[in-house]
Amino acid sequence: MARQKETPPFEQSLDALQVLVERLESGDLSLEDSLSTFEQGIALTRECQSALQDAEQRVQVLLEQNGKLVEKPHDGNLEP
């Protein structure tokens, strides 16, 4: 059975992206290293965007009632 490539958790990708940004902002990288780091950052950004889109879709499914999306205001309370 072929093994699927596992996507790292969102938080791990976000932390890795922050590290890459700090490396780029330091100004200590060569042009080639900067380009490589930038490419890695773009890939991580796409992974994070995809994870956020998936989460948004899951929330929409959970909020659907009778085939209609019921929007509920967010009051900051995480409890049901």
PDB file of N, CA and C in Angstrom:
ATOM      1  N   MET A   1       0.836  -1.177   0.000  1.00  0.00           N
ATOM      2  CA  MET A   1       0.000   0.000   0.000  1.00  0.00           C
ATOM      3  C   MET A   1       0.886   1.247   0.000  1.00  0.00           C
ATOM      4  N   ALA A   2       0.601   2.185  -0.894  1.00  0.00           N
ATOM      5  CA  ALA A   2       1.394   3.409  -0.995  1.00  0.00           C
ATOM      6  C   ALA A   2       1.090   4.317   0.188  1.00  0.00           C
ATOM      7  N   ARG A   3       2.128   4.897   0.729  1.00  0.00           N
ATOM      8  CA  ARG A   3       1.976   5.791   1.859  1.00  0.00           C
ATOM      9  C   ARG A   3       1.725   7.204   1.386  1.00  0.00           C
ATOM     10  N   GLN A   4       0.716   7.855   1.950  1.00  0.00           N
ATOM     11  CA  GLN A   4       0.436   9.232   1.588  1.00  0.00           C
ATOM     12  C   GLN A   4       1.387  10.155   2.329  1.00  0.00           C
ATOM     13  N   LYS A   5       1.727  11.248   1.674  1.00  0.00           N
ATOM     14  CA  LYS A   5       2.567  12.252   2.309  1.00  0.00           C
ATOM     15  C   LYS A   5       1.744  12.933   3.399  1.00  0.00           C
ATOM     16  N   GLU A   6       2.274  12.903   4.611  1.00  0.00           N
ATOM     17  CA  GLU A   6       1.562  13.528   5.711  1.00  0.00           C
ATOM     18  C   GLU A   6       1.832  15.023   5.724  1.00  0.00           C
ATOM     19  N   THR A   7       0.768  15.789   5.913  1.00  0.00           N
ATOM     20  CA  THR A   7       0.894  17.227   6.028  1.00  0.00           C
ATOM     21  C   THR A   7       1.090  17.569   7.497  1.00  0.00           C
ATOM     22  N   PRO A   8       2.088  18.385   7.818  1.00  0.00           N
ATOM     23  CA  PRO A   8       2.299  18.732   9.224  1.00  0.00           C
ATOM     24  C   PRO A   8       1.113  19.532   9.753  1.00  0.00           C
ATOM     25  N   PRO A   9       0.881  19.472  11.052  1.00  0.00           N
ATOM     26  CA  PRO A   9      -0.213  20.247  11.627  1.00  0.00           C
ATOM     27  C   PRO A   9      -0.065  21.732  11.302  1.00  0.00           C
ATOM     28  N   PHE A  10      -1.197  22.414  11.282  1.00  0.00           N
ATOM     29  CA  PHE A  10      -1.219  23.835  10.932  1.00  0.00           C
ATOM     30  C   PHE A  10      -0.239  24.643  11.791  1.00  0.00           C
ATOM     31  N   GLU A  11      -0.285  24.429  13.091  1.00  0.00           N
ATOM     32  CA  GLU A  11       0.562  25.202  13.993  1.00  0.00           C
ATOM     33  C   GLU A  11       2.045  24.982  13.704  1.00  0.00           C
ATOM     34  N   GLN A  12       2.412  23.745  13.377  1.00  0.00           N
ATOM     35  CA  GLN A  12       3.807  23.441  13.056  1.00  0.00           C
ATOM     36  C   GLN A  12       4.226  24.167  11.775  1.00  0.00           C
ATOM     37  N   SER A  13       3.353  24.177  10.782  1.00  0.00           N
ATOM     38  CA  SER A  13       3.653  24.883   9.531  1.00  0.00           C
ATOM     39  C   SER A  13       3.781  26.380   9.774  1.00  0.00           C
ATOM     40  N   LEU A  14       2.902  26.909  10.609  1.00  0.00           N
ATOM     41  CA  LEU A  14       2.942  28.335  10.901  1.00  0.00           C
ATOM     42  C   LEU A  14       4.227  28.711  11.642  1.00  0.00           C
ATOM     43  N   ASP A  15       4.644  27.871  12.595  1.00  0.00           N
ATOM     44  CA  ASP A  15       5.905  28.112  13.307  1.00  0.00           C
ATOM     45  C   ASP A  15       7.095  28.055  12.352  1.00  0.00           C
ATOM     46  N   ALA A  16       7.096  27.075  11.456  1.00  0.00           N
ATOM     47  CA  ALA A  16       8.185  26.943  10.486  1.00  0.00           C
ATOM     48  C   ALA A  16       8.220  28.159   9.563  1.00  0.00           C
ATOM     49  N   LEU A  17       7.053  28.658   9.194  1.00  0.00           N
ATOM     50  CA  LEU A  17       6.980  29.837   8.341  1.00  0.00           C
ATOM     51  C   LEU A  17       7.565  31.050   9.059  1.00  0.00           C
ATOM     52  N   GLN A  18       7.272  31.181  10.348  1.00  0.00           N
ATOM     53  CA  GLN A  18       7.819  32.296  11.129  1.00  0.00           C
ATOM     54  C   GLN A  18       9.347  32.237  11.177  1.00  0.00           C
ATOM     55  N   VAL A  19       9.899  31.039  11.326  1.00  0.00           N
ATOM     56  CA  VAL A  19      11.356  30.868  11.343  1.00  0.00           C
ATOM     57  C   VAL A  19      11.950  31.301   9.999  1.00  0.00           C
ATOM     58  N   LEU A  20      11.291  30.910   8.910  1.00  0.00           N
ATOM     59  CA  LEU A  20      11.794  31.290   7.582  1.00  0.00           C
ATOM     60  C   LEU A  20      11.753  32.804   7.391  1.00  0.00           C
ATOM     61  N   VAL A  21      10.685  33.428   7.854  1.00  0.00           N
ATOM     62  CA  VAL A  21      10.578  34.891   7.734  1.00  0.00           C
ATOM     63  C   VAL A  21      11.703  35.563   8.511  1.00  0.00           C
ATOM     64  N   GLU A  22      11.966  35.077   9.707  1.00  0.00           N
ATOM     65  CA  GLU A  22      13.048  35.653  10.510  1.00  0.00           C
ATOM     66  C   GLU A  22      14.398  35.486   9.822  1.00  0.00           C
ATOM     67  N   ARG A  23      14.610  34.334   9.185  1.00  0.00           N
ATOM     68  CA  ARG A  23      15.871  34.114   8.458  1.00  0.00           C
ATOM     69  C   ARG A  23      16.000  35.100   7.300  1.00  0.00           C
ATOM     70  N   LEU A  24      14.898  35.294   6.577  1.00  0.00           N
ATOM     71  CA  LEU A  24      14.935  36.224   5.450  1.00  0.00           C
ATOM     72  C   LEU A  24      15.152  37.659   5.919  1.00  0.00           C
ATOM     73  N   GLU A  25      14.501  38.023   7.007  1.00  0.00           N
ATOM     74  CA  GLU A  25      14.621  39.384   7.521  1.00  0.00           C
ATOM     75  C   GLU A  25      16.004  39.684   8.095  1.00  0.00           C
ATOM     76  N   SER A  26      16.728  38.642   8.475  1.00  0.00           N
ATOM     77  CA  SER A  26      18.055  38.856   9.060  1.00  0.00           C
ATOM     78  C   SER A  26      19.022  39.470   8.056  1.00  0.00           C
ATOM     79  N   GLY A  27      18.810  39.170   6.784  1.00  0.00           N
ATOM     80  CA  GLY A  27      19.698  39.706   5.754  1.00  0.00           C
ATOM     81  C   GLY A  27      21.023  38.988   5.653  1.00  0.00           C
ATOM     82  N   ASP A  28      21.173  37.873   6.365  1.00  0.00           N
ATOM     83  CA  ASP A  28      22.447  37.153   6.383  1.00  0.00           C
ATOM     84  C   ASP A  28      22.539  36.051   5.326  1.00  0.00           C
ATOM     85  N   LEU A  29      21.501  35.843   4.555  1.00  0.00           N
ATOM     86  CA  LEU A  29      21.491  34.755   3.574  1.00  0.00           C
ATOM     87  C   LEU A  29      22.016  35.214   2.225  1.00  0.00           C
ATOM     88  N   SER A  30      22.632  34.282   1.523  1.00  0.00           N
ATOM     89  CA  SER A  30      23.055  34.582   0.150  1.00  0.00           C
ATOM     90  C   SER A  30      21.799  34.660  -0.723  1.00  0.00           C
ATOM     91  N   LEU A  31      21.971  35.115  -1.927  1.00  0.00           N
ATOM     92  CA  LEU A  31      20.834  35.205  -2.843  1.00  0.00           C
ATOM     93  C   LEU A  31      20.216  33.832  -3.062  1.00  0.00           C
ATOM     94  N   GLU A  32      21.057  32.837  -3.286  1.00  0.00           N
ATOM     95  CA  GLU A  32      20.555  31.480  -3.541  1.00  0.00           C
ATOM     96  C   GLU A  32      19.818  30.932  -2.318  1.00  0.00           C
ATOM     97  N   ASP A  33      20.380  31.152  -1.132  1.00  0.00           N
ATOM     98  CA  ASP A  33      19.720  30.699   0.096  1.00  0.00           C
ATOM     99  C   ASP A  33      18.412  31.459   0.329  1.00  0.00           C
ATOM    100  N   SER A  34      18.410  32.739  -0.002  1.00  0.00           N
ATOM    101  CA  SER A  34      17.193  33.540   0.136  1.00  0.00           C
ATOM    102  C   SER A  34      16.092  33.012  -0.775  1.00  0.00           C
ATOM    103  N   LEU A  35      16.450  32.685  -2.011  1.00  0.00           N
ATOM    104  CA  LEU A  35      15.456  32.152  -2.949  1.00  0.00           C
ATOM    105  C   LEU A  35      14.916  30.801  -2.485  1.00  0.00           C
ATOM    106  N   SER A  36      15.805  29.964  -2.001  1.00  0.00           N
ATOM    107  CA  SER A  36      15.396  28.652  -1.507  1.00  0.00           C
ATOM    108  C   SER A  36      14.466  28.791  -0.294  1.00  0.00           C
ATOM    109  N   THR A  37      14.836  29.687   0.614  1.00  0.00           N
ATOM    110  CA  THR A  37      14.019  29.934   1.799  1.00  0.00           C
ATOM    111  C   THR A  37      12.667  30.503   1.409  1.00  0.00           C
ATOM    112  N   PHE A  38      12.672  31.407   0.448  1.00  0.00           N
ATOM    113  CA  PHE A  38      11.422  31.994  -0.041  1.00  0.00           C
ATOM    114  C   PHE A  38      10.517  30.912  -0.642  1.00  0.00           C
ATOM    115  N   GLU A  39      11.082  30.017  -1.425  1.00  0.00           N
ATOM    116  CA  GLU A  39      10.306  28.918  -2.018  1.00  0.00           C
ATOM    117  C   GLU A  39       9.688  28.038  -0.929  1.00  0.00           C
ATOM    118  N   GLN A  40      10.470  27.746   0.107  1.00  0.00           N
ATOM    119  CA  GLN A  40       9.949  26.952   1.220  1.00  0.00           C
ATOM    120  C   GLN A  40       8.794  27.696   1.906  1.00  0.00           C
ATOM    121  N   GLY A  41       8.960  29.003   2.045  1.00  0.00           N
ATOM    122  CA  GLY A  41       7.916  29.828   2.663  1.00  0.00           C
ATOM    123  C   GLY A  41       6.633  29.833   1.853  1.00  0.00           C
ATOM    124  N   ILE A  42       6.761  29.896   0.545  1.00  0.00           N
ATOM    125  CA  ILE A  42       5.576  29.863  -0.319  1.00  0.00           C
ATOM    126  C   ILE A  42       4.851  28.534  -0.159  1.00  0.00           C
ATOM    127  N   ALA A  43       5.598  27.438  -0.121  1.00  0.00           N
ATOM    128  CA  ALA A  43       4.989  26.114   0.049  1.00  0.00           C
ATOM    129  C   ALA A  43       4.265  26.028   1.394  1.00  0.00           C
ATOM    130  N   LEU A  44       4.890  26.514   2.452  1.00  0.00           N
ATOM    131  CA  LEU A  44       4.255  26.495   3.767  1.00  0.00           C
ATOM    132  C   LEU A  44       3.011  27.386   3.803  1.00  0.00           C
ATOM    133  N   THR A  45       3.088  28.534   3.149  1.00  0.00           N
ATOM    134  CA  THR A  45       1.937  29.434   3.086  1.00  0.00           C
ATOM    135  C   THR A  45       0.763  28.749   2.408  1.00  0.00           C
ATOM    136  N   ARG A  46       1.030  28.039   1.328  1.00  0.00           N
ATOM    137  CA  ARG A  46      -0.042  27.324   0.619  1.00  0.00           C
ATOM    138  C   ARG A  46      -0.637  26.218   1.497  1.00  0.00           C
ATOM    139  N   GLU A  47       0.219  25.519   2.253  1.00  0.00           N
ATOM    140  CA  GLU A  47      -0.274  24.489   3.163  1.00  0.00           C
ATOM    141  C   GLU A  47      -1.176  25.103   4.228  1.00  0.00           C
ATOM    142  N   CYS A  48      -0.757  26.241   4.781  1.00  0.00           N
ATOM    143  CA  CYS A  48      -1.556  26.912   5.809  1.00  0.00           C
ATOM    144  C   CYS A  48      -2.886  27.404   5.238  1.00  0.00           C
ATOM    145  N   GLN A  49      -2.851  27.985   4.044  1.00  0.00           N
ATOM    146  CA  GLN A  49      -4.077  28.449   3.415  1.00  0.00           C
ATOM    147  C   GLN A  49      -5.036  27.290   3.164  1.00  0.00           C
ATOM    148  N   SER A  50      -4.507  26.180   2.725  1.00  0.00           N
ATOM    149  CA  SER A  50      -5.331  25.006   2.476  1.00  0.00           C
ATOM    150  C   SER A  50      -5.959  24.490   3.774  1.00  0.00           C
ATOM    151  N   ALA A  51      -5.172  24.456   4.838  1.00  0.00           N
ATOM    152  CA  ALA A  51      -5.689  23.998   6.127  1.00  0.00           C
ATOM    153  C   ALA A  51      -6.783  24.933   6.628  1.00  0.00           C
ATOM    154  N   LEU A  52      -6.608  26.231   6.450  1.00  0.00           N
ATOM    155  CA  LEU A  52      -7.617  27.194   6.872  1.00  0.00           C
ATOM    156  C   LEU A  52      -8.900  27.057   6.048  1.00  0.00           C
ATOM    157  N   GLN A  53      -8.758  26.826   4.749  1.00  0.00           N
ATOM    158  CA  GLN A  53      -9.928  26.626   3.898  1.00  0.00           C
ATOM    159  C   GLN A  53     -10.681  25.362   4.305  1.00  0.00           C
ATOM    160  N   ASP A  54      -9.943  24.300   4.599  1.00  0.00           N
ATOM    161  CA  ASP A  54     -10.575  23.054   5.048  1.00  0.00           C
ATOM    162  C   ASP A  54     -11.328  23.272   6.359  1.00  0.00           C
ATOM    163  N   ALA A  55     -10.718  24.001   7.274  1.00  0.00           N
ATOM    164  CA  ALA A  55     -11.365  24.273   8.561  1.00  0.00           C
ATOM    165  C   ALA A  55     -12.634  25.101   8.358  1.00  0.00           C
ATOM    166  N   GLU A  56     -12.566  26.085   7.470  1.00  0.00           N
ATOM    167  CA  GLU A  56     -13.733  26.918   7.189  1.00  0.00           C
ATOM    168  C   GLU A  56     -14.879  26.079   6.607  1.00  0.00           C
ATOM    169  N   GLN A  57     -14.554  25.173   5.712  1.00  0.00           N
ATOM    170  CA  GLN A  57     -15.574  24.311   5.132  1.00  0.00           C
ATOM    171  C   GLN A  57     -16.193  23.409   6.189  1.00  0.00           C
ATOM    172  N   ARG A  58     -15.382  22.888   7.089  1.00  0.00           N
ATOM    173  CA  ARG A  58     -15.898  22.030   8.160  1.00  0.00           C
ATOM    174  C   ARG A  58     -16.838  22.809   9.072  1.00  0.00           C
ATOM    175  N   VAL A  59     -16.476  24.055   9.377  1.00  0.00           N
ATOM    176  CA  VAL A  59     -17.333  24.898  10.216  1.00  0.00           C
ATOM    177  C   VAL A  59     -18.658  25.164   9.506  1.00  0.00           C
ATOM    178  N   GLN A  60     -18.615  25.449   8.214  1.00  0.00           N
ATOM    179  CA  GLN A  60     -19.839  25.698   7.467  1.00  0.00           C
ATOM    180  C   GLN A  60     -20.750  24.479   7.487  1.00  0.00           C
ATOM    181  N   VAL A  61     -20.184  23.299   7.330  1.00  0.00           N
ATOM    182  CA  VAL A  61     -20.973  22.078   7.368  1.00  0.00           C
ATOM    183  C   VAL A  61     -21.625  21.923   8.741  1.00  0.00           C
ATOM    184  N   LEU A  62     -20.888  22.219   9.786  1.00  0.00           N
ATOM    185  CA  LEU A  62     -21.421  22.094  11.139  1.00  0.00           C
ATOM    186  C   LEU A  62     -22.536  23.104  11.417  1.00  0.00           C
ATOM    187  N   LEU A  63     -22.480  24.251  10.753  1.00  0.00           N
ATOM    188  CA  LEU A  63     -23.481  25.285  10.987  1.00  0.00           C
ATOM    189  C   LEU A  63     -24.708  25.156  10.093  1.00  0.00           C
ATOM    190  N   GLU A  64     -24.656  24.265   9.107  1.00  0.00           N
ATOM    191  CA  GLU A  64     -25.797  24.101   8.209  1.00  0.00           C
ATOM    192  C   GLU A  64     -26.954  23.443   8.947  1.00  0.00           C
ATOM    193  N   GLN A  65     -28.134  24.004   8.744  1.00  0.00           N
ATOM    194  CA  GLN A  65     -29.340  23.431   9.307  1.00  0.00           C
ATOM    195  C   GLN A  65     -30.396  23.403   8.209  1.00  0.00           C
ATOM    196  N   ASN A  66     -30.945  22.230   7.968  1.00  0.00           N
ATOM    197  CA  ASN A  66     -31.964  22.058   6.933  1.00  0.00           C
ATOM    198  C   ASN A  66     -31.485  22.554   5.575  1.00  0.00           C
ATOM    199  N   GLY A  67     -30.240  22.312   5.267  1.00  0.00           N
ATOM    200  CA  GLY A  67     -29.705  22.677   3.960  1.00  0.00           C
ATOM    201  C   GLY A  67     -29.352  24.138   3.819  1.00  0.00           C
ATOM    202  N   LYS A  68     -29.541  24.940   4.858  1.00  0.00           N
ATOM    203  CA  LYS A  68     -29.218  26.364   4.794  1.00  0.00           C
ATOM    204  C   LYS A  68     -28.136  26.680   5.813  1.00  0.00           C
ATOM    205  N   LEU A  69     -27.252  27.554   5.427  1.00  0.00           N
ATOM    206  CA  LEU A  69     -26.178  27.967   6.315  1.00  0.00           C
ATOM    207  C   LEU A  69     -26.746  28.952   7.322  1.00  0.00           C
ATOM    208  N   VAL A  70     -26.586  28.646   8.586  1.00  0.00           N
ATOM    209  CA  VAL A  70     -27.055  29.517   9.649  1.00  0.00           C
ATOM    210  C   VAL A  70     -25.845  30.223  10.227  1.00  0.00           C
ATOM    211  N   GLU A  71     -25.767  31.523   9.999  1.00  0.00           N
ATOM    212  CA  GLU A  71     -24.637  32.274  10.511  1.00  0.00           C
ATOM    213  C   GLU A  71     -24.926  32.671  11.947  1.00  0.00           C
ATOM    214  N   LYS A  72     -23.944  32.417  12.795  1.00  0.00           N
ATOM    215  CA  LYS A  72     -24.082  32.756  14.200  1.00  0.00           C
ATOM    216  C   LYS A  72     -22.976  33.731  14.554  1.00  0.00           C
ATOM    217  N   PRO A  73     -23.300  34.798  15.254  1.00  0.00           N
ATOM    218  CA  PRO A  73     -22.246  35.752  15.637  1.00  0.00           C
ATOM    219  C   PRO A  73     -21.295  35.114  16.626  1.00  0.00           C
ATOM    220  N   HIS A  74     -20.039  35.475  16.517  1.00  0.00           N
ATOM    221  CA  HIS A  74     -19.007  34.947  17.410  1.00  0.00           C
ATOM    222  C   HIS A  74     -18.884  35.894  18.589  1.00  0.00           C
ATOM    223  N   ASP A  75     -19.130  35.368  19.778  1.00  0.00           N
ATOM    224  CA  ASP A  75     -19.061  36.201  20.977  1.00  0.00           C
ATOM    225  C   ASP A  75     -17.767  36.010  21.754  1.00  0.00           C
ATOM    226  N   GLY A  76     -16.841  35.242  21.197  1.00  0.00           N
ATOM    227  CA  GLY A  76     -15.566  35.010  21.867  1.00  0.00           C
ATOM    228  C   GLY A  76     -15.586  33.821  22.800  1.00  0.00           C
ATOM    229  N   ASN A  77     -16.755  33.283  23.066  1.00  0.00           N
ATOM    230  CA  ASN A  77     -16.886  32.133  23.956  1.00  0.00           C
ATOM    231  C   ASN A  77     -16.688  30.859  23.154  1.00  0.00           C
ATOM    232  N   LEU A  78     -15.755  30.027  23.551  1.00  0.00           N
ATOM    233  CA  LEU A  78     -15.466  28.808  22.820  1.00  0.00           C
ATOM    234  C   LEU A  78     -16.313  27.626  23.290  1.00  0.00           C
ATOM    235  N   GLU A  79     -17.108  27.805  24.328  1.00  0.00           N
ATOM    236  CA  GLU A  79     -17.939  26.729  24.839  1.00  0.00           C
ATOM    237  C   GLU A  79     -19.258  26.691  24.082  1.00  0.00           C
ATOM    238  N   PRO A  80     -19.819  25.469  23.866  1.00  0.00           N
ATOM    239  CA  PRO A  80     -21.085  25.356  23.133  1.00  0.00           C
ATOM    240  C   PRO A  80     -22.253  25.972  23.850  1.00  0.00           C
TER     241      PRO A  80
END
